[in-house]
Every structure is written in structure tokens, then in C-alpha cells.
Amino acid sequence: MFFSMKYVVENYNITAKTLRFYEEQGILPNISRDEKGNRVYTEQQIDWISFILCLKETGMPLSKIKDYKESYEMGNSTYLEREEMLKKHKIELQKKIEESLKHMEEINYKLAMYELQKDEVRKNPNHNFKCHGLEVNIVDTRGLNQIFGMLQPTDEQTSSKYLSRKITSRLYLPSDWL
């Protein structure tokens, strides 16, 4: 069975220009054409396109994807090499995920601070929120459930580190809010 470029573009979130580029670069080889000269893709090529997109969207450079493809074309003699390439990519991806989760924790913390200040902002909409005024410890002024109910650490170790760090954080509020 063959699939048109239009089908691939509509179903795999890839542009026709990108498909042609991958073909030109040798990342997507042996693309057939129908009687009208239009590119057509086999099921195997569709699977390969899906895999290319997976690798690309998870940060693998096109040069490494091309290396993987060339290794694949050499057959079973490169099986261990290809496996090692994917293991290294998985490790790099895991690091990026962990880094993103740390960034998400920071964003969640900031959102929790906004939530805590929301009522005060409504009362004083024109107040300048610079770091002037009284330094107030979050634990002394607000309930931890309200703050940390919005936060979802990923494991017990992260949770204890995260809570201890965030509990000691300071929230700057104007003294007239107390």
C-alpha cells in the first residue's frame, strides 16, 4: 500500500518541505513516485518517518539520525552500535526531562506565590511589588497546604529537598498587609 505526501503531511505533523529535505539529505531514502510523478510512501517508510520525528522531537540532531539510518542500512552487523546510539540518546533525554521537571517545580512555586498574593493584589491593585517592606517567612504567615497543594514533587527524595528549600524561601510583603 502507498500513501501520498498529503496523507503524511496531514497525519504526521510534518511539512512537505521537510519531507523533501529529509529525502535530499538521505535521511528518507528510496522514495517512489506514482504515474503523475508525485512522491508516495510505503508503510515501512511511514514507520521510519514516525521514528525520525520521534528522534528529532526528543532532541537528536539530524546528523545523528542520518548516522543511525546509515548504520541500519548496513544490517545486523551494526545492531549493537544502533542500540548504543539509542541508549545514549535515552540518557540525554532523561537528563532533559529531569531538568524540565526542576523548571516546572520553580514555575509551580512561583504560581503558588501568585495565588497567595492574589487577594492582597485585589485589595491594593496599584501597589508596587518591589522587594521593599517586611520580610515574612511563608511558614509563619500562610498554611503549607495552600502553598504546596499546588506542587507535586516527583518522588520522596525530591519532595523533602523541595519542601525544605521552599519552606525557607522568603516572601516579601509590604508591612501594611500584615
N, C-alpha and C. Protein backbone atom coordinates (compact mmCIF):
# COMPACT_ATOMS: atom_id res chain seq x y z
N MET A 1 0.84 -1.18 0.00
CA MET A 1 0.00 0.00 0.00
C MET A 1 0.89 1.25 0.00
N PHE A 2 0.48 2.27 -0.73
CA PHE A 2 1.22 3.51 -0.82
C PHE A 2 0.40 4.66 -0.24
N PHE A 3 1.11 5.64 0.32
CA PHE A 3 0.48 6.81 0.91
C PHE A 3 1.02 8.06 0.23
N SER A 4 0.14 9.01 0.00
CA SER A 4 0.56 10.25 -0.66
C SER A 4 1.28 11.17 0.33
N MET A 5 1.99 12.14 -0.21
CA MET A 5 2.65 13.14 0.63
C MET A 5 1.59 13.89 1.45
N LYS A 6 0.46 14.17 0.83
CA LYS A 6 -0.62 14.87 1.52
C LYS A 6 -1.05 14.08 2.75
N TYR A 7 -1.17 12.77 2.62
CA TYR A 7 -1.56 11.93 3.75
C TYR A 7 -0.52 12.04 4.87
N VAL A 8 0.74 11.97 4.51
CA VAL A 8 1.82 12.03 5.51
C VAL A 8 1.80 13.38 6.20
N VAL A 9 1.69 14.44 5.44
CA VAL A 9 1.67 15.80 5.99
C VAL A 9 0.50 15.97 6.96
N GLU A 10 -0.66 15.52 6.57
CA GLU A 10 -1.86 15.70 7.40
C GLU A 10 -1.88 14.82 8.64
N ASN A 11 -1.23 13.66 8.58
CA ASN A 11 -1.33 12.71 9.69
C ASN A 11 -0.10 12.63 10.59
N TYR A 12 1.00 13.24 10.19
CA TYR A 12 2.23 13.11 10.98
C TYR A 12 2.85 14.43 11.38
N ASN A 13 2.11 15.51 11.24
CA ASN A 13 2.58 16.83 11.68
C ASN A 13 3.98 17.15 11.15
N ILE A 14 4.11 17.02 9.86
CA ILE A 14 5.37 17.32 9.17
C ILE A 14 5.01 18.05 7.88
N THR A 15 5.87 18.93 7.46
CA THR A 15 5.57 19.68 6.23
C THR A 15 6.13 18.94 5.01
N ALA A 16 5.58 19.27 3.86
CA ALA A 16 6.07 18.69 2.60
C ALA A 16 7.52 19.12 2.38
N LYS A 17 7.82 20.36 2.73
CA LYS A 17 9.19 20.87 2.58
C LYS A 17 10.17 20.03 3.41
N THR A 18 9.77 19.69 4.63
CA THR A 18 10.63 18.87 5.50
C THR A 18 10.81 17.47 4.93
N LEU A 19 9.75 16.89 4.41
CA LEU A 19 9.86 15.57 3.78
C LEU A 19 10.84 15.60 2.62
N ARG A 20 10.73 16.63 1.79
CA ARG A 20 11.65 16.75 0.65
C ARG A 20 13.09 16.94 1.15
N PHE A 21 13.25 17.75 2.20
CA PHE A 21 14.58 17.99 2.76
C PHE A 21 15.18 16.68 3.29
N TYR A 22 14.39 15.91 4.03
CA TYR A 22 14.89 14.62 4.55
C TYR A 22 15.29 13.71 3.40
N GLU A 23 14.53 13.73 2.32
CA GLU A 23 14.87 12.92 1.15
C GLU A 23 16.18 13.40 0.54
N GLU A 24 16.34 14.71 0.38
CA GLU A 24 17.57 15.27 -0.19
C GLU A 24 18.80 14.96 0.65
N GLN A 25 18.62 14.95 1.97
CA GLN A 25 19.73 14.70 2.89
C GLN A 25 20.04 13.21 3.05
N GLY A 26 19.23 12.36 2.47
CA GLY A 26 19.47 10.92 2.57
C GLY A 26 18.92 10.31 3.85
N ILE A 27 18.17 11.08 4.60
CA ILE A 27 17.58 10.56 5.84
C ILE A 27 16.34 9.73 5.53
N LEU A 28 15.70 10.06 4.44
CA LEU A 28 14.50 9.36 3.99
C LEU A 28 14.74 8.91 2.55
N PRO A 29 15.40 7.77 2.39
CA PRO A 29 15.82 7.35 1.04
C PRO A 29 14.75 6.55 0.28
N ASN A 30 15.03 6.39 -0.99
CA ASN A 30 14.26 5.50 -1.87
C ASN A 30 12.77 5.81 -1.93
N ILE A 31 12.44 7.06 -2.07
CA ILE A 31 11.03 7.45 -2.17
C ILE A 31 10.58 7.25 -3.61
N SER A 32 9.52 6.49 -3.75
CA SER A 32 8.97 6.20 -5.08
C SER A 32 8.05 7.33 -5.52
N ARG A 33 7.72 7.27 -6.80
CA ARG A 33 6.78 8.25 -7.35
C ARG A 33 5.68 7.50 -8.10
N ASP A 34 4.50 8.11 -8.07
CA ASP A 34 3.39 7.50 -8.82
C ASP A 34 3.47 7.90 -10.29
N GLU A 35 2.47 7.50 -11.07
CA GLU A 35 2.48 7.77 -12.51
C GLU A 35 2.44 9.26 -12.84
N LYS A 36 2.00 10.09 -11.89
CA LYS A 36 1.97 11.54 -12.09
C LYS A 36 3.25 12.22 -11.60
N GLY A 37 4.16 11.43 -11.05
CA GLY A 37 5.41 11.99 -10.55
C GLY A 37 5.37 12.45 -9.11
N ASN A 38 4.25 12.19 -8.42
CA ASN A 38 4.13 12.58 -7.02
C ASN A 38 4.79 11.54 -6.12
N ARG A 39 5.40 12.01 -5.05
CA ARG A 39 6.02 11.10 -4.09
C ARG A 39 4.95 10.24 -3.43
N VAL A 40 5.29 8.98 -3.24
CA VAL A 40 4.42 8.05 -2.50
C VAL A 40 5.28 7.29 -1.50
N TYR A 41 4.68 6.96 -0.38
CA TYR A 41 5.42 6.36 0.73
C TYR A 41 4.82 5.01 1.09
N THR A 42 5.70 4.06 1.37
CA THR A 42 5.26 2.73 1.80
C THR A 42 4.99 2.76 3.30
N GLU A 43 4.37 1.70 3.81
CA GLU A 43 4.13 1.59 5.25
C GLU A 43 5.45 1.61 6.02
N GLN A 44 6.46 0.95 5.49
CA GLN A 44 7.77 0.93 6.14
C GLN A 44 8.36 2.35 6.19
N GLN A 45 8.21 3.11 5.11
CA GLN A 45 8.71 4.48 5.10
C GLN A 45 7.92 5.36 6.06
N ILE A 46 6.62 5.11 6.18
CA ILE A 46 5.79 5.85 7.15
C ILE A 46 6.29 5.56 8.56
N ASP A 47 6.59 4.30 8.85
CA ASP A 47 7.14 3.95 10.17
C ASP A 47 8.47 4.66 10.41
N TRP A 48 9.30 4.72 9.39
CA TRP A 48 10.60 5.40 9.51
C TRP A 48 10.40 6.90 9.74
N ILE A 49 9.46 7.50 9.03
CA ILE A 49 9.17 8.93 9.22
C ILE A 49 8.74 9.17 10.67
N SER A 50 7.88 8.31 11.17
CA SER A 50 7.43 8.44 12.56
C SER A 50 8.61 8.35 13.53
N PHE A 51 9.53 7.44 13.26
CA PHE A 51 10.71 7.27 14.11
C PHE A 51 11.65 8.48 14.00
N ILE A 52 11.84 8.99 12.79
CA ILE A 52 12.66 10.20 12.60
C ILE A 52 12.08 11.34 13.43
N LEU A 53 10.77 11.52 13.35
CA LEU A 53 10.13 12.59 14.11
C LEU A 53 10.29 12.40 15.61
N CYS A 54 10.19 11.16 16.06
CA CYS A 54 10.40 10.86 17.48
C CYS A 54 11.80 11.28 17.90
N LEU A 55 12.80 10.88 17.14
CA LEU A 55 14.18 11.22 17.47
C LEU A 55 14.41 12.73 17.41
N LYS A 56 13.90 13.34 16.36
CA LYS A 56 14.09 14.79 16.18
C LYS A 56 13.40 15.58 17.30
N GLU A 57 12.17 15.22 17.62
CA GLU A 57 11.42 15.95 18.65
C GLU A 57 11.97 15.73 20.05
N THR A 58 12.78 14.70 20.22
CA THR A 58 13.41 14.47 21.52
C THR A 58 14.85 14.96 21.53
N GLY A 59 15.22 15.73 20.51
CA GLY A 59 16.49 16.43 20.55
C GLY A 59 17.66 15.80 19.82
N MET A 60 17.47 14.71 19.11
CA MET A 60 18.59 14.12 18.37
C MET A 60 18.85 14.95 17.12
N PRO A 61 20.09 15.37 16.91
CA PRO A 61 20.41 16.15 15.70
C PRO A 61 20.23 15.30 14.44
N LEU A 62 19.92 15.97 13.34
CA LEU A 62 19.73 15.25 12.08
C LEU A 62 20.98 14.48 11.67
N SER A 63 22.15 15.00 12.00
CA SER A 63 23.39 14.28 11.64
C SER A 63 23.45 12.92 12.33
N LYS A 64 23.00 12.85 13.57
CA LYS A 64 22.99 11.56 14.29
C LYS A 64 21.88 10.65 13.77
N ILE A 65 20.76 11.25 13.40
CA ILE A 65 19.68 10.44 12.80
C ILE A 65 20.17 9.83 11.50
N LYS A 66 20.91 10.60 10.73
CA LYS A 66 21.47 10.09 9.47
C LYS A 66 22.48 8.98 9.76
N ASP A 67 23.32 9.16 10.77
CA ASP A 67 24.27 8.11 11.15
C ASP A 67 23.53 6.83 11.53
N TYR A 68 22.45 6.99 12.29
CA TYR A 68 21.65 5.82 12.70
C TYR A 68 21.09 5.13 11.46
N LYS A 69 20.54 5.92 10.53
CA LYS A 69 19.96 5.36 9.31
C LYS A 69 21.01 4.60 8.50
N GLU A 70 22.20 5.19 8.37
CA GLU A 70 23.27 4.53 7.62
C GLU A 70 23.71 3.24 8.31
N SER A 71 23.76 3.27 9.62
CA SER A 71 24.10 2.07 10.38
C SER A 71 23.03 0.99 10.19
N TYR A 72 21.77 1.40 10.20
CA TYR A 72 20.67 0.48 9.99
C TYR A 72 20.77 -0.21 8.63
N GLU A 73 21.14 0.57 7.62
CA GLU A 73 21.23 0.02 6.27
C GLU A 73 22.35 -1.00 6.12
N MET A 74 23.32 -1.00 7.04
CA MET A 74 24.41 -1.98 7.00
C MET A 74 23.97 -3.34 7.52
N GLY A 75 22.80 -3.41 8.13
CA GLY A 75 22.27 -4.69 8.57
C GLY A 75 22.63 -5.05 9.99
N ASN A 76 22.49 -6.34 10.28
CA ASN A 76 22.65 -6.84 11.64
C ASN A 76 24.05 -6.66 12.22
N SER A 77 25.03 -6.45 11.39
CA SER A 77 26.39 -6.27 11.91
C SER A 77 26.52 -4.99 12.74
N THR A 78 25.58 -4.08 12.59
CA THR A 78 25.63 -2.81 13.33
C THR A 78 24.55 -2.74 14.42
N TYR A 79 23.98 -3.88 14.74
CA TYR A 79 22.90 -3.94 15.72
C TYR A 79 23.33 -3.30 17.06
N LEU A 80 24.47 -3.71 17.58
CA LEU A 80 24.93 -3.20 18.88
C LEU A 80 25.26 -1.71 18.82
N GLU A 81 25.80 -1.26 17.71
CA GLU A 81 26.10 0.16 17.52
C GLU A 81 24.81 1.00 17.58
N ARG A 82 23.77 0.52 16.89
CA ARG A 82 22.50 1.23 16.88
C ARG A 82 21.85 1.23 18.27
N GLU A 83 21.97 0.09 18.93
CA GLU A 83 21.43 0.01 20.29
C GLU A 83 22.13 1.01 21.20
N GLU A 84 23.44 1.12 21.09
CA GLU A 84 24.21 2.05 21.90
C GLU A 84 23.83 3.50 21.58
N MET A 85 23.60 3.80 20.31
CA MET A 85 23.18 5.15 19.92
C MET A 85 21.87 5.52 20.62
N LEU A 86 20.93 4.58 20.61
CA LEU A 86 19.63 4.86 21.23
C LEU A 86 19.74 4.93 22.76
N LYS A 87 20.61 4.12 23.35
CA LYS A 87 20.80 4.18 24.81
C LYS A 87 21.37 5.55 25.21
N LYS A 88 22.35 6.04 24.46
CA LYS A 88 22.93 7.35 24.75
C LYS A 88 21.88 8.44 24.60
N HIS A 89 21.08 8.34 23.55
CA HIS A 89 20.03 9.34 23.34
C HIS A 89 19.02 9.29 24.48
N LYS A 90 18.68 8.11 24.93
CA LYS A 90 17.73 7.97 26.03
C LYS A 90 18.28 8.62 27.30
N ILE A 91 19.56 8.44 27.58
CA ILE A 91 20.18 9.06 28.76
C ILE A 91 20.12 10.58 28.65
N GLU A 92 20.45 11.11 27.48
CA GLU A 92 20.39 12.57 27.27
C GLU A 92 18.96 13.08 27.43
N LEU A 93 18.01 12.33 26.90
CA LEU A 93 16.61 12.71 27.01
C LEU A 93 16.16 12.69 28.47
N GLN A 94 16.58 11.67 29.22
CA GLN A 94 16.21 11.58 30.64
C GLN A 94 16.74 12.79 31.41
N LYS A 95 17.97 13.21 31.09
CA LYS A 95 18.54 14.40 31.75
C LYS A 95 17.71 15.64 31.44
N LYS A 96 17.29 15.77 30.19
CA LYS A 96 16.47 16.92 29.80
C LYS A 96 15.12 16.90 30.51
N ILE A 97 14.55 15.71 30.64
CA ILE A 97 13.26 15.59 31.33
C ILE A 97 13.42 15.99 32.79
N GLU A 98 14.48 15.52 33.45
CA GLU A 98 14.71 15.87 34.85
C GLU A 98 14.92 17.37 35.01
N GLU A 99 15.65 17.96 34.08
CA GLU A 99 15.87 19.41 34.12
C GLU A 99 14.55 20.15 33.92
N SER A 100 13.73 19.68 33.01
CA SER A 100 12.43 20.30 32.78
C SER A 100 11.53 20.18 34.00
N LEU A 101 11.60 19.05 34.69
CA LEU A 101 10.80 18.88 35.91
C LEU A 101 11.24 19.86 37.00
N LYS A 102 12.55 20.10 37.09
CA LYS A 102 13.04 21.09 38.05
C LYS A 102 12.51 22.48 37.70
N HIS A 103 12.53 22.80 36.41
CA HIS A 103 11.99 24.09 35.97
C HIS A 103 10.50 24.17 36.27
N MET A 104 9.79 23.06 36.09
CA MET A 104 8.35 23.03 36.37
C MET A 104 8.10 23.29 37.85
N GLU A 105 8.94 22.74 38.72
CA GLU A 105 8.79 22.98 40.15
C GLU A 105 8.94 24.47 40.46
N GLU A 106 9.91 25.11 39.82
CA GLU A 106 10.11 26.54 40.04
C GLU A 106 8.89 27.34 39.57
N ILE A 107 8.37 26.97 38.43
CA ILE A 107 7.18 27.65 37.90
C ILE A 107 5.99 27.42 38.82
N ASN A 108 5.80 26.18 39.29
CA ASN A 108 4.71 25.89 40.22
C ASN A 108 4.84 26.69 41.50
N TYR A 109 6.07 26.81 42.00
CA TYR A 109 6.30 27.58 43.20
C TYR A 109 5.91 29.04 42.97
N LYS A 110 6.33 29.60 41.85
CA LYS A 110 6.01 30.99 41.55
C LYS A 110 4.50 31.17 41.42
N LEU A 111 3.83 30.22 40.78
CA LEU A 111 2.37 30.29 40.67
C LEU A 111 1.71 30.23 42.04
N ALA A 112 2.25 29.41 42.93
CA ALA A 112 1.72 29.34 44.30
C ALA A 112 1.89 30.68 45.00
N MET A 113 3.00 31.34 44.78
CA MET A 113 3.21 32.65 45.38
C MET A 113 2.19 33.66 44.83
N TYR A 114 1.93 33.60 43.53
CA TYR A 114 0.92 34.48 42.95
C TYR A 114 -0.45 34.19 43.57
N GLU A 115 -0.76 32.92 43.74
CA GLU A 115 -2.04 32.54 44.33
C GLU A 115 -2.17 33.10 45.74
N LEU A 116 -1.10 33.02 46.50
CA LEU A 116 -1.12 33.54 47.87
C LEU A 116 -1.32 35.05 47.90
N GLN A 117 -0.79 35.73 46.92
CA GLN A 117 -0.84 37.19 46.91
C GLN A 117 -2.08 37.73 46.20
N LYS A 118 -2.86 36.87 45.59
CA LYS A 118 -3.98 37.30 44.76
C LYS A 118 -4.96 38.21 45.51
N ASP A 119 -5.37 37.82 46.72
CA ASP A 119 -6.31 38.64 47.48
C ASP A 119 -5.72 40.00 47.81
N GLU A 120 -4.45 40.02 48.17
CA GLU A 120 -3.81 41.28 48.52
C GLU A 120 -3.67 42.18 47.30
N VAL A 121 -3.43 41.60 46.15
CA VAL A 121 -3.31 42.39 44.93
C VAL A 121 -4.67 43.01 44.60
N ARG A 122 -5.74 42.26 44.84
CA ARG A 122 -7.08 42.81 44.58
C ARG A 122 -7.37 43.99 45.50
N LYS A 123 -6.91 43.88 46.75
CA LYS A 123 -7.13 44.98 47.71
C LYS A 123 -6.28 46.20 47.35
N ASN A 124 -5.09 45.98 46.84
CA ASN A 124 -4.14 47.05 46.54
C ASN A 124 -3.63 46.92 45.10
N PRO A 125 -4.50 47.12 44.10
CA PRO A 125 -4.09 46.87 42.71
C PRO A 125 -2.97 47.75 42.19
N ASN A 126 -2.80 48.92 42.79
CA ASN A 126 -1.77 49.83 42.30
C ASN A 126 -0.49 49.76 43.11
N HIS A 127 -0.41 48.79 43.99
CA HIS A 127 0.77 48.67 44.84
C HIS A 127 1.97 48.19 44.03
N ASN A 128 3.11 48.78 44.27
CA ASN A 128 4.34 48.39 43.58
C ASN A 128 4.96 47.21 44.32
N PHE A 129 5.15 46.08 43.66
CA PHE A 129 5.63 44.86 44.29
C PHE A 129 7.13 44.70 44.18
N LYS A 130 7.86 45.70 44.62
CA LYS A 130 9.31 45.55 44.69
C LYS A 130 9.64 44.92 46.03
N CYS A 131 10.86 44.53 46.21
CA CYS A 131 11.26 43.86 47.45
C CYS A 131 11.51 44.86 48.57
N HIS A 132 10.52 45.71 48.84
CA HIS A 132 10.58 46.64 49.95
C HIS A 132 9.55 46.18 50.97
N GLY A 133 9.72 46.56 52.17
CA GLY A 133 8.77 46.17 53.19
C GLY A 133 9.34 45.06 54.04
N LEU A 134 8.48 44.42 54.74
CA LEU A 134 8.88 43.43 55.74
C LEU A 134 9.12 42.07 55.09
N GLU A 135 10.20 41.41 55.49
CA GLU A 135 10.47 40.05 55.02
C GLU A 135 9.70 39.11 55.92
N VAL A 136 8.82 38.30 55.31
CA VAL A 136 7.95 37.43 56.09
C VAL A 136 8.20 35.99 55.67
N ASN A 137 8.38 35.12 56.65
CA ASN A 137 8.57 33.71 56.37
C ASN A 137 7.23 33.09 56.00
N ILE A 138 7.18 32.33 54.91
CA ILE A 138 5.94 31.72 54.44
C ILE A 138 5.31 30.87 55.53
N VAL A 139 6.10 30.10 56.24
CA VAL A 139 5.58 29.20 57.27
C VAL A 139 4.86 29.99 58.35
N ASP A 140 5.36 31.18 58.67
CA ASP A 140 4.76 31.99 59.73
C ASP A 140 3.46 32.64 59.32
N THR A 141 3.25 32.84 58.02
CA THR A 141 2.12 33.65 57.59
C THR A 141 1.06 32.90 56.82
N ARG A 142 1.38 31.78 56.25
CA ARG A 142 0.42 31.09 55.39
C ARG A 142 0.43 29.59 55.69
N GLY A 143 -0.65 28.92 55.34
CA GLY A 143 -0.73 27.47 55.53
C GLY A 143 0.04 26.74 54.46
N LEU A 144 0.81 25.75 54.87
CA LEU A 144 1.61 25.00 53.89
C LEU A 144 0.74 24.25 52.89
N ASN A 145 -0.43 23.77 53.32
CA ASN A 145 -1.28 23.06 52.37
C ASN A 145 -1.69 23.96 51.21
N GLN A 146 -1.95 25.21 51.53
CA GLN A 146 -2.34 26.15 50.48
C GLN A 146 -1.21 26.34 49.49
N ILE A 147 0.02 26.41 49.98
CA ILE A 147 1.17 26.61 49.11
C ILE A 147 1.51 25.33 48.36
N PHE A 148 1.70 24.25 49.10
CA PHE A 148 2.25 23.05 48.49
C PHE A 148 1.19 22.12 47.93
N GLY A 149 -0.07 22.42 48.11
CA GLY A 149 -1.12 21.62 47.49
C GLY A 149 -1.07 21.71 45.99
N MET A 150 -0.53 22.83 45.48
CA MET A 150 -0.43 23.00 44.03
C MET A 150 0.81 22.34 43.46
N LEU A 151 1.75 21.99 44.31
CA LEU A 151 3.04 21.46 43.86
C LEU A 151 3.02 19.95 43.96
N GLN A 152 3.61 19.30 43.01
CA GLN A 152 3.61 17.85 43.00
C GLN A 152 5.01 17.32 42.73
N PRO A 153 5.87 17.25 43.78
CA PRO A 153 7.20 16.70 43.57
C PRO A 153 7.11 15.28 43.02
N THR A 154 8.12 14.87 42.29
CA THR A 154 8.05 13.61 41.57
C THR A 154 8.37 12.39 42.42
N ASP A 155 9.12 12.54 43.51
CA ASP A 155 9.41 11.40 44.36
C ASP A 155 9.71 11.89 45.78
N GLU A 156 9.86 10.93 46.72
CA GLU A 156 10.04 11.31 48.11
C GLU A 156 11.30 12.13 48.35
N GLN A 157 12.39 11.76 47.70
CA GLN A 157 13.65 12.49 47.86
C GLN A 157 13.51 13.92 47.34
N THR A 158 12.95 14.07 46.15
CA THR A 158 12.74 15.39 45.59
C THR A 158 11.78 16.17 46.49
N SER A 159 10.74 15.48 46.99
CA SER A 159 9.75 16.13 47.82
C SER A 159 10.38 16.74 49.06
N SER A 160 11.20 15.98 49.78
CA SER A 160 11.79 16.51 51.01
C SER A 160 12.77 17.63 50.71
N LYS A 161 13.59 17.48 49.66
CA LYS A 161 14.51 18.55 49.27
C LYS A 161 13.73 19.79 48.88
N TYR A 162 12.70 19.58 48.09
CA TYR A 162 11.91 20.68 47.57
C TYR A 162 11.21 21.43 48.70
N LEU A 163 10.55 20.68 49.58
CA LEU A 163 9.83 21.33 50.67
C LEU A 163 10.77 22.08 51.58
N SER A 164 11.91 21.48 51.93
CA SER A 164 12.81 22.17 52.85
C SER A 164 13.35 23.44 52.20
N ARG A 165 13.62 23.40 50.92
CA ARG A 165 14.12 24.59 50.24
C ARG A 165 13.04 25.66 50.16
N LYS A 166 11.83 25.25 49.81
CA LYS A 166 10.77 26.22 49.61
C LYS A 166 10.27 26.78 50.94
N ILE A 167 10.26 25.99 51.98
CA ILE A 167 9.80 26.48 53.27
C ILE A 167 10.70 27.60 53.77
N THR A 168 11.97 27.52 53.48
CA THR A 168 12.89 28.55 53.95
C THR A 168 12.93 29.75 53.01
N SER A 169 12.22 29.67 51.89
CA SER A 169 12.15 30.83 51.00
C SER A 169 11.40 31.95 51.70
N ARG A 170 11.65 33.16 51.25
CA ARG A 170 11.02 34.32 51.85
C ARG A 170 10.03 34.94 50.89
N LEU A 171 8.99 35.49 51.44
CA LEU A 171 8.01 36.19 50.66
C LEU A 171 8.02 37.64 51.14
N TYR A 172 8.23 38.56 50.23
CA TYR A 172 8.30 39.97 50.59
C TYR A 172 6.92 40.59 50.45
N LEU A 173 6.40 41.06 51.57
CA LEU A 173 5.10 41.72 51.59
C LEU A 173 5.24 43.09 52.23
N PRO A 174 4.50 44.04 51.77
CA PRO A 174 4.52 45.34 52.42
C PRO A 174 4.03 45.22 53.86
N SER A 175 4.59 46.00 54.76
CA SER A 175 4.25 45.89 56.17
C SER A 175 2.79 46.22 56.43
N ASP A 176 2.15 47.03 55.58
CA ASP A 176 0.74 47.37 55.81
C ASP A 176 -0.21 46.21 55.49
N TRP A 177 0.30 45.11 54.93
CA TRP A 177 -0.53 43.94 54.66
C TRP A 177 -0.63 43.02 55.87
N LEU A 178 0.19 43.24 56.87
CA LEU A 178 0.25 42.30 57.99
C LEU A 178 -0.76 42.63 59.07
